């Protein structure tokens, strides 16, 4: 009889322990979900900040007179000499690198069209 009573109390203690374990597992799971949600929100905020940092700088358009002059030279010389580029640079007020880039991009555009 004594052993039967012990087994009943052990079973009820086991059930209580299992219930406590289940409750702690549920709490841990709930905390984990909350932490993951907070992490996702934090990452989204960081992503928004980095998008703002990596926004491209808007390149100003060249004046129409400058574009027309560059186009006229390009029509005659697809690969202008350094001397011609220097003259264009001084006449337009652009740096030689800008003239080079404009010519390069124009060649690329024309190659796509043909």
PDB file of N, CA and C in Angstrom:
ATOM      1  N   UNK A   1       0.815  -1.171   0.000  1.00  0.00           N
ATOM      2  CA  UNK A   1       0.000   0.000   0.000  1.00  0.00           C
ATOM      3  C   UNK A   1       0.870   1.249   0.000  1.00  0.00           C
ATOM      4  N   UNK A   2       1.896   1.228   0.741  1.00  0.00           N
ATOM      5  CA  UNK A   2       2.804   2.364   0.833  1.00  0.00           C
ATOM      6  C   UNK A   2       3.424   2.643  -0.526  1.00  0.00           C
ATOM      7  N   UNK A   3       3.801   1.609  -1.233  1.00  0.00           N
ATOM      8  CA  UNK A   3       4.419   1.781  -2.534  1.00  0.00           C
ATOM      9  C   UNK A   3       3.428   2.348  -3.535  1.00  0.00           C
ATOM     10  N   UNK A   4       2.154   1.956  -3.418  1.00  0.00           N
ATOM     11  CA  UNK A   4       1.137   2.507  -4.316  1.00  0.00           C
ATOM     12  C   UNK A   4       0.965   3.999  -4.073  1.00  0.00           C
ATOM     13  N   UNK A   5       0.975   4.380  -2.837  1.00  0.00           N
ATOM     14  CA  UNK A   5       0.817   5.800  -2.500  1.00  0.00           C
ATOM     15  C   UNK A   5       1.994   6.610  -3.045  1.00  0.00           C
ATOM     16  N   UNK A   6       3.195   6.060  -2.931  1.00  0.00           N
ATOM     17  CA  UNK A   6       4.384   6.730  -3.463  1.00  0.00           C
ATOM     18  C   UNK A   6       4.308   6.867  -4.977  1.00  0.00           C
ATOM     19  N   UNK A   7       3.839   5.853  -5.644  1.00  0.00           N
ATOM     20  CA  UNK A   7       3.766   5.922  -7.106  1.00  0.00           C
ATOM     21  C   UNK A   7       2.758   6.970  -7.547  1.00  0.00           C
ATOM     22  N   UNK A   8       1.678   7.131  -6.808  1.00  0.00           N
ATOM     23  CA  UNK A   8       0.672   8.142  -7.145  1.00  0.00           C
ATOM     24  C   UNK A   8       1.260   9.525  -6.956  1.00  0.00           C
ATOM     25  N   UNK A   9       1.963   9.742  -5.854  1.00  0.00           N
ATOM     26  CA  UNK A   9       2.555  11.057  -5.613  1.00  0.00           C
ATOM     27  C   UNK A   9       3.670  11.329  -6.601  1.00  0.00           C
ATOM     28  N   UNK A  10       4.430  10.297  -6.966  1.00  0.00           N
ATOM     29  CA  UNK A  10       5.479  10.480  -7.958  1.00  0.00           C
ATOM     30  C   UNK A  10       4.881  10.849  -9.309  1.00  0.00           C
ATOM     31  N   UNK A  11       3.789  10.190  -9.683  1.00  0.00           N
ATOM     32  CA  UNK A  11       3.123  10.506 -10.945  1.00  0.00           C
ATOM     33  C   UNK A  11       2.607  11.940 -10.958  1.00  0.00           C
ATOM     34  N   UNK A  12       2.040  12.368  -9.849  1.00  0.00           N
ATOM     35  CA  UNK A  12       1.525  13.738  -9.794  1.00  0.00           C
ATOM     36  C   UNK A  12       2.681  14.743  -9.808  1.00  0.00           C
ATOM     37  N   UNK A  13       3.795  14.391  -9.146  1.00  0.00           N
ATOM     38  CA  UNK A  13       4.978  15.260  -9.182  1.00  0.00           C
ATOM     39  C   UNK A  13       5.559  15.308 -10.584  1.00  0.00           C
ATOM     40  N   UNK A  14       5.577  14.162 -11.259  1.00  0.00           N
ATOM     41  CA  UNK A  14       6.068  14.118 -12.638  1.00  0.00           C
ATOM     42  C   UNK A  14       5.205  15.009 -13.536  1.00  0.00           C
ATOM     43  N   UNK A  15       3.890  14.922 -13.339  1.00  0.00           N
ATOM     44  CA  UNK A  15       2.981  15.759 -14.128  1.00  0.00           C
ATOM     45  C   UNK A  15       3.232  17.241 -13.851  1.00  0.00           C
ATOM     46  N   UNK A  16       3.421  17.563 -12.568  1.00  0.00           N
ATOM     47  CA  UNK A  16       3.689  18.959 -12.207  1.00  0.00           C
ATOM     48  C   UNK A  16       4.987  19.443 -12.839  1.00  0.00           C
ATOM     49  N   UNK A  17       6.016  18.590 -12.792  1.00  0.00           N
ATOM     50  CA  UNK A  17       7.306  18.938 -13.393  1.00  0.00           C
ATOM     51  C   UNK A  17       7.180  19.120 -14.904  1.00  0.00           C
ATOM     52  N   UNK A  18       6.433  18.221 -15.540  1.00  0.00           N
ATOM     53  CA  UNK A  18       6.234  18.325 -16.977  1.00  0.00           C
ATOM     54  C   UNK A  18       5.486  19.615 -17.333  1.00  0.00           C
ATOM     55  N   UNK A  19       4.476  19.947 -16.515  1.00  0.00           N
ATOM     56  CA  UNK A  19       3.718  21.172 -16.758  1.00  0.00           C
ATOM     57  C   UNK A  19       4.627  22.393 -16.611  1.00  0.00           C
ATOM     58  N   UNK A  20       5.466  22.372 -15.580  1.00  0.00           N
ATOM     59  CA  UNK A  20       6.401  23.484 -15.381  1.00  0.00           C
ATOM     60  C   UNK A  20       7.391  23.578 -16.539  1.00  0.00           C
ATOM     61  N   UNK A  21       7.876  22.405 -16.998  1.00  0.00           N
ATOM     62  CA  UNK A  21       8.800  22.394 -18.135  1.00  0.00           C
ATOM     63  C   UNK A  21       8.111  22.932 -19.384  1.00  0.00           C
ATOM     64  N   UNK A  22       6.859  22.508 -19.590  1.00  0.00           N
ATOM     65  CA  UNK A  22       6.106  22.988 -20.761  1.00  0.00           C
ATOM     66  C   UNK A  22       5.907  24.498 -20.695  1.00  0.00           C
ATOM     67  N   UNK A  23       5.595  24.994 -19.494  1.00  0.00           N
ATOM     68  CA  UNK A  23       5.405  26.430 -19.336  1.00  0.00           C
ATOM     69  C   UNK A  23       6.698  27.196 -19.618  1.00  0.00           C
ATOM     70  N   UNK A  24       7.819  26.677 -19.106  1.00  0.00           N
ATOM     71  CA  UNK A  24       9.091  27.363 -19.346  1.00  0.00           C
ATOM     72  C   UNK A  24       9.466  27.289 -20.823  1.00  0.00           C
ATOM     73  N   UNK A  25       9.168  26.163 -21.481  1.00  0.00           N
ATOM     74  CA  UNK A  25       9.437  26.051 -22.911  1.00  0.00           C
ATOM     75  C   UNK A  25       8.608  27.071 -23.688  1.00  0.00           C
ATOM     76  N   UNK A  26       7.324  27.212 -23.308  1.00  0.00           N
ATOM     77  CA  UNK A  26       6.456  28.192 -23.978  1.00  0.00           C
ATOM     78  C   UNK A  26       6.965  29.612 -23.748  1.00  0.00           C
ATOM     79  N   UNK A  27       7.385  29.893 -22.511  1.00  0.00           N
ATOM     80  CA  UNK A  27       7.922  31.217 -22.214  1.00  0.00           C
ATOM     81  C   UNK A  27       9.198  31.477 -23.005  1.00  0.00           C
ATOM     82  N   UNK A  28      10.086  30.461 -23.064  1.00  0.00           N
ATOM     83  CA  UNK A  28      11.325  30.594 -23.825  1.00  0.00           C
ATOM     84  C   UNK A  28      11.030  30.827 -25.304  1.00  0.00           C
ATOM     85  N   UNK A  29      10.056  30.084 -25.820  1.00  0.00           N
ATOM     86  CA  UNK A  29       9.674  30.240 -27.214  1.00  0.00           C
ATOM     87  C   UNK A  29       9.116  31.634 -27.468  1.00  0.00           C
ATOM     88  N   UNK A  30       8.263  32.103 -26.564  1.00  0.00           N
ATOM     89  CA  UNK A  30       7.692  33.442 -26.706  1.00  0.00           C
ATOM     90  C   UNK A  30       8.791  34.501 -26.660  1.00  0.00           C
ATOM     91  N   UNK A  31       9.733  34.349 -25.718  1.00  0.00           N
ATOM     92  CA  UNK A  31      10.846  35.292 -25.621  1.00  0.00           C
ATOM     93  C   UNK A  31      11.702  35.249 -26.879  1.00  0.00           C
ATOM     94  N   UNK A  32      11.910  34.056 -27.401  1.00  0.00           N
ATOM     95  CA  UNK A  32      12.711  33.899 -28.618  1.00  0.00           C
ATOM     96  C   UNK A  32      12.047  34.609 -29.794  1.00  0.00           C
ATOM     97  N   UNK A  33      10.733  34.450 -29.912  1.00  0.00           N
ATOM     98  CA  UNK A  33       9.996  35.106 -31.000  1.00  0.00           C
ATOM     99  C   UNK A  33      10.089  36.625 -30.854  1.00  0.00           C
ATOM    100  N   UNK A  34       9.952  37.116 -29.636  1.00  0.00           N
ATOM    101  CA  UNK A  34      10.054  38.557 -29.395  1.00  0.00           C
ATOM    102  C   UNK A  34      11.449  39.055 -29.758  1.00  0.00           C
ATOM    103  N   UNK A  35      12.485  38.327 -29.350  1.00  0.00           N
ATOM    104  CA  UNK A  35      13.857  38.716 -29.665  1.00  0.00           C
ATOM    105  C   UNK A  35      14.100  38.722 -31.169  1.00  0.00           C
ATOM    106  N   UNK A  36      13.588  37.699 -31.856  1.00  0.00           N
ATOM    107  CA  UNK A  36      13.761  37.632 -33.307  1.00  0.00           C
ATOM    108  C   UNK A  36      13.051  38.787 -33.991  1.00  0.00           C
ATOM    109  N   UNK A  37      11.863  39.118 -33.517  1.00  0.00           N
ATOM    110  CA  UNK A  37      11.120  40.245 -34.077  1.00  0.00           C
ATOM    111  C   UNK A  37      11.886  41.539 -33.869  1.00  0.00           C
ATOM    112  N   UNK A  38      12.432  41.715 -32.673  1.00  0.00           N
ATOM    113  CA  UNK A  38      13.218  42.918 -32.394  1.00  0.00           C
ATOM    114  C   UNK A  38      14.460  42.965 -33.280  1.00  0.00           C
ATOM    115  N   UNK A  39      15.106  41.818 -33.474  1.00  0.00           N
ATOM    116  CA  UNK A  39      16.281  41.764 -34.345  1.00  0.00           C
ATOM    117  C   UNK A  39      15.919  42.134 -35.778  1.00  0.00           C
ATOM    118  N   UNK A  40      14.800  41.618 -36.257  1.00  0.00           N
ATOM    119  CA  UNK A  40      14.365  41.928 -37.620  1.00  0.00           C
ATOM    120  C   UNK A  40      14.085  43.420 -37.754  1.00  0.00           C
ATOM    121  N   UNK A  41      13.392  43.987 -36.771  1.00  0.00           N
ATOM    122  CA  UNK A  41      13.103  45.424 -36.811  1.00  0.00           C
ATOM    123  C   UNK A  41      14.396  46.227 -36.811  1.00  0.00           C
ATOM    124  N   UNK A  42      15.358  45.800 -35.998  1.00  0.00           N
ATOM    125  CA  UNK A  42      16.643  46.495 -35.935  1.00  0.00           C
ATOM    126  C   UNK A  42      17.358  46.417 -37.275  1.00  0.00           C
ATOM    127  N   UNK A  43      17.361  45.229 -37.890  1.00  0.00           N
ATOM    128  CA  UNK A  43      18.012  45.062 -39.191  1.00  0.00           C
ATOM    129  C   UNK A  43      17.326  45.899 -40.260  1.00  0.00           C
ATOM    130  N   UNK A  44      16.004  45.986 -40.209  1.00  0.00           N
ATOM    131  CA  UNK A  44      15.281  46.815 -41.184  1.00  0.00           C
ATOM    132  C   UNK A  44      15.662  48.279 -41.026  1.00  0.00           C
ATOM    133  N   UNK A  45      15.798  48.730 -39.784  1.00  0.00           N
ATOM    134  CA  UNK A  45      16.215  50.116 -39.555  1.00  0.00           C
ATOM    135  C   UNK A  45      17.611  50.348 -40.102  1.00  0.00           C
ATOM    136  N   UNK A  46      18.513  49.394 -39.872  1.00  0.00           N
ATOM    137  CA  UNK A  46      19.875  49.524 -40.399  1.00  0.00           C
ATOM    138  C   UNK A  46      19.864  49.541 -41.917  1.00  0.00           C
ATOM    139  N   UNK A  47      19.045  48.713 -42.519  1.00  0.00           N
ATOM    140  CA  UNK A  47      18.960  48.646 -43.971  1.00  0.00           C
ATOM    141  C   UNK A  47      18.477  49.979 -44.537  1.00  0.00           C
ATOM    142  N   UNK A  48      17.498  50.589 -43.884  1.00  0.00           N
ATOM    143  CA  UNK A  48      16.992  51.885 -44.333  1.00  0.00           C
ATOM    144  C   UNK A  48      18.105  52.927 -44.237  1.00  0.00           C
ATOM    145  N   UNK A  49      18.867  52.894 -43.144  1.00  0.00           N
ATOM    146  CA  UNK A  49      19.957  53.855 -42.974  1.00  0.00           C
ATOM    147  C   UNK A  49      21.018  53.673 -44.045  1.00  0.00           C
ATOM    148  N   UNK A  50      21.362  52.413 -44.350  1.00  0.00           N
ATOM    149  CA  UNK A  50      22.400  52.190 -45.357  1.00  0.00           C
ATOM    150  C   UNK A  50      21.911  52.574 -46.744  1.00  0.00           C
ATOM    151  N   UNK A  51      20.631  52.404 -47.007  1.00  0.00           N
ATOM    152  CA  UNK A  51      20.097  52.829 -48.298  1.00  0.00           C
ATOM    153  C   UNK A  51      20.257  54.335 -48.452  1.00  0.00           C
ATOM    154  N   UNK A  52      20.024  55.053 -47.376  1.00  0.00           N
ATOM    155  CA  UNK A  52      20.179  56.503 -47.430  1.00  0.00           C
ATOM    156  C   UNK A  52      21.632  56.892 -47.679  1.00  0.00           C
ATOM    157  N   UNK A  53      22.545  56.146 -47.073  1.00  0.00           N
ATOM    158  CA  UNK A  53      23.961  56.452 -47.231  1.00  0.00           C
ATOM    159  C   UNK A  53      24.444  56.170 -48.649  1.00  0.00           C
ATOM    160  N   UNK A  54      23.880  55.152 -49.292  1.00  0.00           N
ATOM    161  CA  UNK A  54      24.351  54.732 -50.599  1.00  0.00           C
ATOM    162  C   UNK A  54      23.557  55.347 -51.743  1.00  0.00           C
ATOM    163  N   UNK A  55      22.766  56.345 -51.445  1.00  0.00           N
ATOM    164  CA  UNK A  55      21.991  56.969 -52.491  1.00  0.00           C
ATOM    165  C   UNK A  55      22.943  57.639 -53.480  1.00  0.00           C
ATOM    166  N   UNK A  56      22.678  57.441 -54.755  1.00  0.00           N
ATOM    167  CA  UNK A  56      23.569  57.982 -55.771  1.00  0.00           C
ATOM    168  C   UNK A  56      23.488  59.498 -55.828  1.00  0.00           C
ATOM    169  N   UNK A  57      24.627  60.064 -56.105  1.00  0.00           N
ATOM    170  CA  UNK A  57      24.717  61.496 -56.265  1.00  0.00           C
ATOM    171  C   UNK A  57      24.184  61.847 -57.655  1.00  0.00           C
ATOM    172  N   UNK A  58      23.347  62.828 -57.747  1.00  0.00           N
ATOM    173  CA  UNK A  58      22.780  63.214 -59.032  1.00  0.00           C
ATOM    174  C   UNK A  58      23.826  64.015 -59.805  1.00  0.00           C
ATOM    175  N   UNK A  59      24.102  63.562 -61.020  1.00  0.00           N
ATOM    176  CA  UNK A  59      25.094  64.224 -61.855  1.00  0.00           C
ATOM    177  C   UNK A  59      24.391  65.340 -62.626  1.00  0.00           C
ATOM    178  N   UNK A  60      24.897  66.549 -62.526  1.00  0.00           N
ATOM    179  CA  UNK A  60      24.240  67.654 -63.233  1.00  0.00           C
ATOM    180  C   UNK A  60      24.406  67.513 -64.747  1.00  0.00           C
ATOM    181  N   UNK A  61      23.392  67.911 -65.482  1.00  0.00           N
ATOM    182  CA  UNK A  61      23.449  67.857 -66.945  1.00  0.00           C
ATOM    183  C   UNK A  61      24.325  68.993 -67.451  1.00  0.00           C
ATOM    184  N   UNK A  62      24.950  68.716 -68.569  1.00  0.00           N
ATOM    185  CA  UNK A  62      25.763  69.753 -69.202  1.00  0.00           C
ATOM    186  C   UNK A  62      24.848  70.737 -69.911  1.00  0.00           C
ATOM    187  N   UNK A  63      25.297  71.970 -70.027  1.00  0.00           N
ATOM    188  CA  UNK A  63      24.515  72.967 -70.755  1.00  0.00           C
ATOM    189  C   UNK A  63      24.392  72.538 -72.215  1.00  0.00           C
ATOM    190  N   UNK A  64      23.332  72.988 -72.860  1.00  0.00           N
ATOM    191  CA  UNK A  64      23.084  72.571 -74.247  1.00  0.00           C
ATOM    192  C   UNK A  64      24.210  73.032 -75.179  1.00  0.00           C
ATOM    193  N   UNK A  65      24.779  74.220 -74.938  1.00  0.00           N
ATOM    194  CA  UNK A  65      25.878  74.702 -75.792  1.00  0.00           C
ATOM    195  C   UNK A  65      27.089  73.774 -75.686  1.00  0.00           C
ATOM    196  N   UNK A  66      27.381  73.351 -74.478  1.00  0.00           N
ATOM    197  CA  UNK A  66      28.520  72.465 -74.238  1.00  0.00           C
ATOM    198  C   UNK A  66      28.256  71.111 -74.893  1.00  0.00           C
ATOM    199  N   UNK A  67      27.038  70.579 -74.694  1.00  0.00           N
ATOM    200  CA  UNK A  67      26.690  69.285 -75.310  1.00  0.00           C
ATOM    201  C   UNK A  67      26.783  69.355 -76.821  1.00  0.00           C
ATOM    202  N   UNK A  68      26.295  70.445 -77.414  1.00  0.00           N
ATOM    203  CA  UNK A  68      26.342  70.596 -78.872  1.00  0.00           C
ATOM    204  C   UNK A  68      27.781  70.631 -79.380  1.00  0.00           C
ATOM    205  N   UNK A  69      28.652  71.355 -78.666  1.00  0.00           N
ATOM    206  CA  UNK A  69      30.059  71.424 -79.066  1.00  0.00           C
ATOM    207  C   UNK A  69      30.716  70.044 -78.976  1.00  0.00           C
ATOM    208  N   UNK A  70      30.465  69.330 -77.867  1.00  0.00           N
ATOM    209  CA  UNK A  70      31.026  67.988 -77.713  1.00  0.00           C
ATOM    210  C   UNK A  70      30.491  67.052 -78.813  1.00  0.00           C
ATOM    211  N   UNK A  71      29.231  67.186 -79.150  1.00  0.00           N
ATOM    212  CA  UNK A  71      28.636  66.342 -80.180  1.00  0.00           C
ATOM    213  C   UNK A  71      29.250  66.630 -81.548  1.00  0.00           C
ATOM    214  N   UNK A  72      29.478  67.923 -81.844  1.00  0.00           N
ATOM    215  CA  UNK A  72      30.107  68.281 -83.126  1.00  0.00           C
ATOM    216  C   UNK A  72      31.509  67.675 -83.247  1.00  0.00           C
ATOM    217  N   UNK A  73      32.276  67.795 -82.182  1.00  0.00           N
ATOM    218  CA  UNK A  73      33.629  67.231 -82.191  1.00  0.00           C
ATOM    219  C   UNK A  73      33.554  65.714 -82.294  1.00  0.00           C
ATOM    220  N   UNK A  74      32.613  65.109 -81.585  1.00  0.00           N
ATOM    221  CA  UNK A  74      32.467  63.651 -81.606  1.00  0.00           C
ATOM    222  C   UNK A  74      32.110  63.155 -83.009  1.00  0.00           C
ATOM    223  N   UNK A  75      31.255  63.899 -83.707  1.00  0.00           N
ATOM    224  CA  UNK A  75      30.862  63.491 -85.061  1.00  0.00           C
ATOM    225  C   UNK A  75      32.066  63.456 -86.000  1.00  0.00           C
ATOM    226  N   UNK A  76      33.029  64.346 -85.769  1.00  0.00           N
ATOM    227  CA  UNK A  76      34.228  64.395 -86.622  1.00  0.00           C
ATOM    228  C   UNK A  76      35.306  63.422 -86.140  1.00  0.00           C
ATOM    229  N   UNK A  77      35.511  63.391 -84.826  1.00  0.00           N
ATOM    230  CA  UNK A  77      36.591  62.575 -84.252  1.00  0.00           C
ATOM    231  C   UNK A  77      36.028  61.735 -83.115  1.00  0.00           C
ATOM    232  N   UNK A  78      35.825  60.489 -83.369  1.00  0.00           N
ATOM    233  CA  UNK A  78      35.302  59.597 -82.314  1.00  0.00           C
ATOM    234  C   UNK A  78      36.329  59.398 -81.196  1.00  0.00           C
ATOM    235  N   UNK A  79      37.604  59.455 -81.554  1.00  0.00           N
ATOM    236  CA  UNK A  79      38.690  59.345 -80.582  1.00  0.00           C
ATOM    237  C   UNK A  79      39.575  60.585 -80.710  1.00  0.00           C
ATOM    238  N   UNK A  80      39.165  61.684 -80.073  1.00  0.00           N
ATOM    239  CA  UNK A  80      39.948  62.917 -80.213  1.00  0.00           C
ATOM    240  C   UNK A  80      41.320  62.799 -79.549  1.00  0.00           C
ATOM    241  N   UNK A  81      42.264  63.571 -80.080  1.00  0.00           N
ATOM    242  CA  UNK A  81      43.621  63.579 -79.524  1.00  0.00           C
ATOM    243  C   UNK A  81      43.619  64.307 -78.188  1.00  0.00           C
ATOM    244  N   UNK A  82      44.706  64.156 -77.462  1.00  0.00           N
ATOM    245  CA  UNK A  82      44.834  64.824 -76.168  1.00  0.00           C
ATOM    246  C   UNK A  82      44.790  66.338 -76.352  1.00  0.00           C
ATOM    247  N   UNK A  83      45.416  66.830 -77.418  1.00  0.00           N
ATOM    248  CA  UNK A  83      45.415  68.278 -77.678  1.00  0.00           C
ATOM    249  C   UNK A  83      43.989  68.792 -77.912  1.00  0.00           C
ATOM    250  N   UNK A  84      43.215  68.046 -78.687  1.00  0.00           N
ATOM    251  CA  UNK A  84      41.829  68.443 -78.949  1.00  0.00           C
ATOM    252  C   UNK A  84      41.003  68.385 -77.667  1.00  0.00           C
ATOM    253  N   UNK A  85      41.246  67.393 -76.843  1.00  0.00           N
ATOM    254  CA  UNK A  85      40.545  67.294 -75.560  1.00  0.00           C
ATOM    255  C   UNK A  85      40.894  68.474 -74.651  1.00  0.00           C
ATOM    256  N   UNK A  86      42.159  68.883 -74.680  1.00  0.00           N
ATOM    257  CA  UNK A  86      42.578  70.051 -73.874  1.00  0.00           C
ATOM    258  C   UNK A  86      41.866  71.316 -74.345  1.00  0.00           C
ATOM    259  N   UNK A  87      41.777  71.470 -75.663  1.00  0.00           N
ATOM    260  CA  UNK A  87      41.071  72.644 -76.211  1.00  0.00           C
ATOM    261  C   UNK A  87      39.601  72.628 -75.814  1.00  0.00           C
ATOM    262  N   UNK A  88      38.972  71.461 -75.952  1.00  0.00           N
ATOM    263  CA  UNK A  88      37.567  71.332 -75.535  1.00  0.00           C
ATOM    264  C   UNK A  88      37.410  71.655 -74.059  1.00  0.00           C
ATOM    265  N   UNK A  89      38.338  71.161 -73.262  1.00  0.00           N
ATOM    266  CA  UNK A  89      38.296  71.395 -71.827  1.00  0.00           C
ATOM    267  C   UNK A  89      38.365  72.886 -71.507  1.00  0.00           C
ATOM    268  N   UNK A  90      39.284  73.598 -72.160  1.00  0.00           N
ATOM    269  CA  UNK A  90      39.428  75.031 -71.874  1.00  0.00           C
ATOM    270  C   UNK A  90      38.234  75.823 -72.410  1.00  0.00           C
ATOM    271  N   UNK A  91      37.675  75.417 -73.561  1.00  0.00           N
ATOM    272  CA  UNK A  91      36.539  76.148 -74.130  1.00  0.00           C
ATOM    273  C   UNK A  91      35.244  75.920 -73.349  1.00  0.00           C
ATOM    274  N   UNK A  92      35.068  74.709 -72.843  1.00  0.00           N
ATOM    275  CA  UNK A  92      33.823  74.402 -72.145  1.00  0.00           C
ATOM    276  C   UNK A  92      33.899  74.632 -70.639  1.00  0.00           C
ATOM    277  N   UNK A  93      35.113  74.685 -70.101  1.00  0.00           N
ATOM    278  CA  UNK A  93      35.259  74.839 -68.651  1.00  0.00           C
ATOM    279  C   UNK A  93      35.163  73.511 -67.917  1.00  0.00           C
ATOM    280  N   UNK A  94      35.139  72.410 -68.670  1.00  0.00           N
ATOM    281  CA  UNK A  94      35.087  71.079 -68.059  1.00  0.00           C
ATOM    282  C   UNK A  94      36.502  70.541 -67.857  1.00  0.00           C
ATOM    283  N   UNK A  95      36.662  69.628 -66.928  1.00  0.00           N
ATOM    284  CA  UNK A  95      37.943  68.960 -66.758  1.00  0.00           C
ATOM    285  C   UNK A  95      38.138  67.964 -67.900  1.00  0.00           C
ATOM    286  N   UNK A  96      39.380  67.630 -68.184  1.00  0.00           N
ATOM    287  CA  UNK A  96      39.690  66.690 -69.268  1.00  0.00           C
ATOM    288  C   UNK A  96      39.032  65.331 -68.986  1.00  0.00           C
ATOM    289  N   UNK A  97      38.988  64.930 -67.711  1.00  0.00           N
ATOM    290  CA  UNK A  97      38.370  63.649 -67.354  1.00  0.00           C
ATOM    291  C   UNK A  97      36.899  63.626 -67.737  1.00  0.00           C
ATOM    292  N   UNK A  98      36.213  64.755 -67.577  1.00  0.00           N
ATOM    293  CA  UNK A  98      34.794  64.839 -67.921  1.00  0.00           C
ATOM    294  C   UNK A  98      34.614  64.720 -69.431  1.00  0.00           C
ATOM    295  N   UNK A  99      35.485  65.378 -70.191  1.00  0.00           N
ATOM    296  CA  UNK A  99      35.434  65.287 -71.644  1.00  0.00           C
ATOM    297  C   UNK A  99      35.688  63.834 -72.072  1.00  0.00           C
ATOM    298  N   UNK A 100      36.691  63.196 -71.484  1.00  0.00           N
ATOM    299  CA  UNK A 100      36.983  61.788 -71.780  1.00  0.00           C
ATOM    300  C   UNK A 100      35.770  60.895 -71.507  1.00  0.00           C
ATOM    301  N   UNK A 101      35.166  61.098 -70.359  1.00  0.00           N
ATOM    302  CA  UNK A 101      34.022  60.272 -69.976  1.00  0.00           C
ATOM    303  C   UNK A 101      32.846  60.506 -70.918  1.00  0.00           C
ATOM    304  N   UNK A 102      32.606  61.750 -71.292  1.00  0.00           N
ATOM    305  CA  UNK A 102      31.503  62.047 -72.210  1.00  0.00           C
ATOM    306  C   UNK A 102      31.734  61.338 -73.544  1.00  0.00           C
ATOM    307  N   UNK A 103      32.952  61.407 -74.055  1.00  0.00           N
ATOM    308  CA  UNK A 103      33.273  60.755 -75.329  1.00  0.00           C
ATOM    309  C   UNK A 103      33.109  59.240 -75.208  1.00  0.00           C
ATOM    310  N   UNK A 104      33.581  58.682 -74.122  1.00  0.00           N
ATOM    311  CA  UNK A 104      33.486  57.241 -73.905  1.00  0.00           C
ATOM    312  C   UNK A 104      32.025  56.789 -73.849  1.00  0.00           C
ATOM    313  N   UNK A 105      31.231  57.517 -73.106  1.00  0.00           N
ATOM    314  CA  UNK A 105      29.810  57.167 -72.994  1.00  0.00           C
ATOM    315  C   UNK A 105      29.098  57.334 -74.335  1.00  0.00           C
ATOM    316  N   UNK A 106      29.456  58.350 -75.080  1.00  0.00           N
ATOM    317  CA  UNK A 106      28.837  58.573 -76.390  1.00  0.00           C
ATOM    318  C   UNK A 106      29.184  57.419 -77.341  1.00  0.00           C
ATOM    319  N   UNK A 107      30.427  56.958 -77.296  1.00  0.00           N
ATOM    320  CA  UNK A 107      30.813  55.814 -78.134  1.00  0.00           C
ATOM    321  C   UNK A 107      30.001  54.566 -77.751  1.00  0.00           C
ATOM    322  N   UNK A 108      29.832  54.385 -76.464  1.00  0.00           N
ATOM    323  CA  UNK A 108      29.069  53.234 -75.977  1.00  0.00           C
ATOM    324  C   UNK A 108      27.603  53.323 -76.423  1.00  0.00           C
ATOM    325  N   UNK A 109      27.028  54.505 -76.339  1.00  0.00           N
ATOM    326  CA  UNK A 109      25.633  54.696 -76.786  1.00  0.00           C
ATOM    327  C   UNK A 109      25.501  54.415 -78.261  1.00  0.00           C
ATOM    328  N   UNK A 110      26.443  54.923 -79.063  1.00  0.00           N
ATOM    329  CA  UNK A 110      26.387  54.702 -80.517  1.00  0.00           C
ATOM    330  C   UNK A 110      26.571  53.233 -80.859  1.00  0.00           C
ATOM    331  N   UNK A 111      27.402  52.525 -80.108  1.00  0.00           N
ATOM    332  CA  UNK A 111      27.617  51.103 -80.373  1.00  0.00           C
ATOM    333  C   UNK A 111      26.331  50.314 -80.092  1.00  0.00           C
ATOM    334  N   UNK A 112      25.578  50.709 -79.101  1.00  0.00           N
ATOM    335  CA  UNK A 112      24.317  50.030 -78.794  1.00  0.00           C
ATOM    336  C   UNK A 112      23.281  50.273 -79.889  1.00  0.00           C
ATOM    337  N   UNK A 113      23.271  51.477 -80.422  1.00  0.00           N
ATOM    338  CA  UNK A 113      22.285  51.822 -81.453  1.00  0.00           C
ATOM    339  C   UNK A 113      22.542  51.087 -82.755  1.00  0.00           C
ATOM    340  N   UNK A 114      23.807  50.815 -83.050  1.00  0.00           N
ATOM    341  CA  UNK A 114      24.145  50.159 -84.320  1.00  0.00           C
ATOM    342  C   UNK A 114      24.165  48.691 -84.217  1.00  0.00           C
TER     343      UNK A 114
END
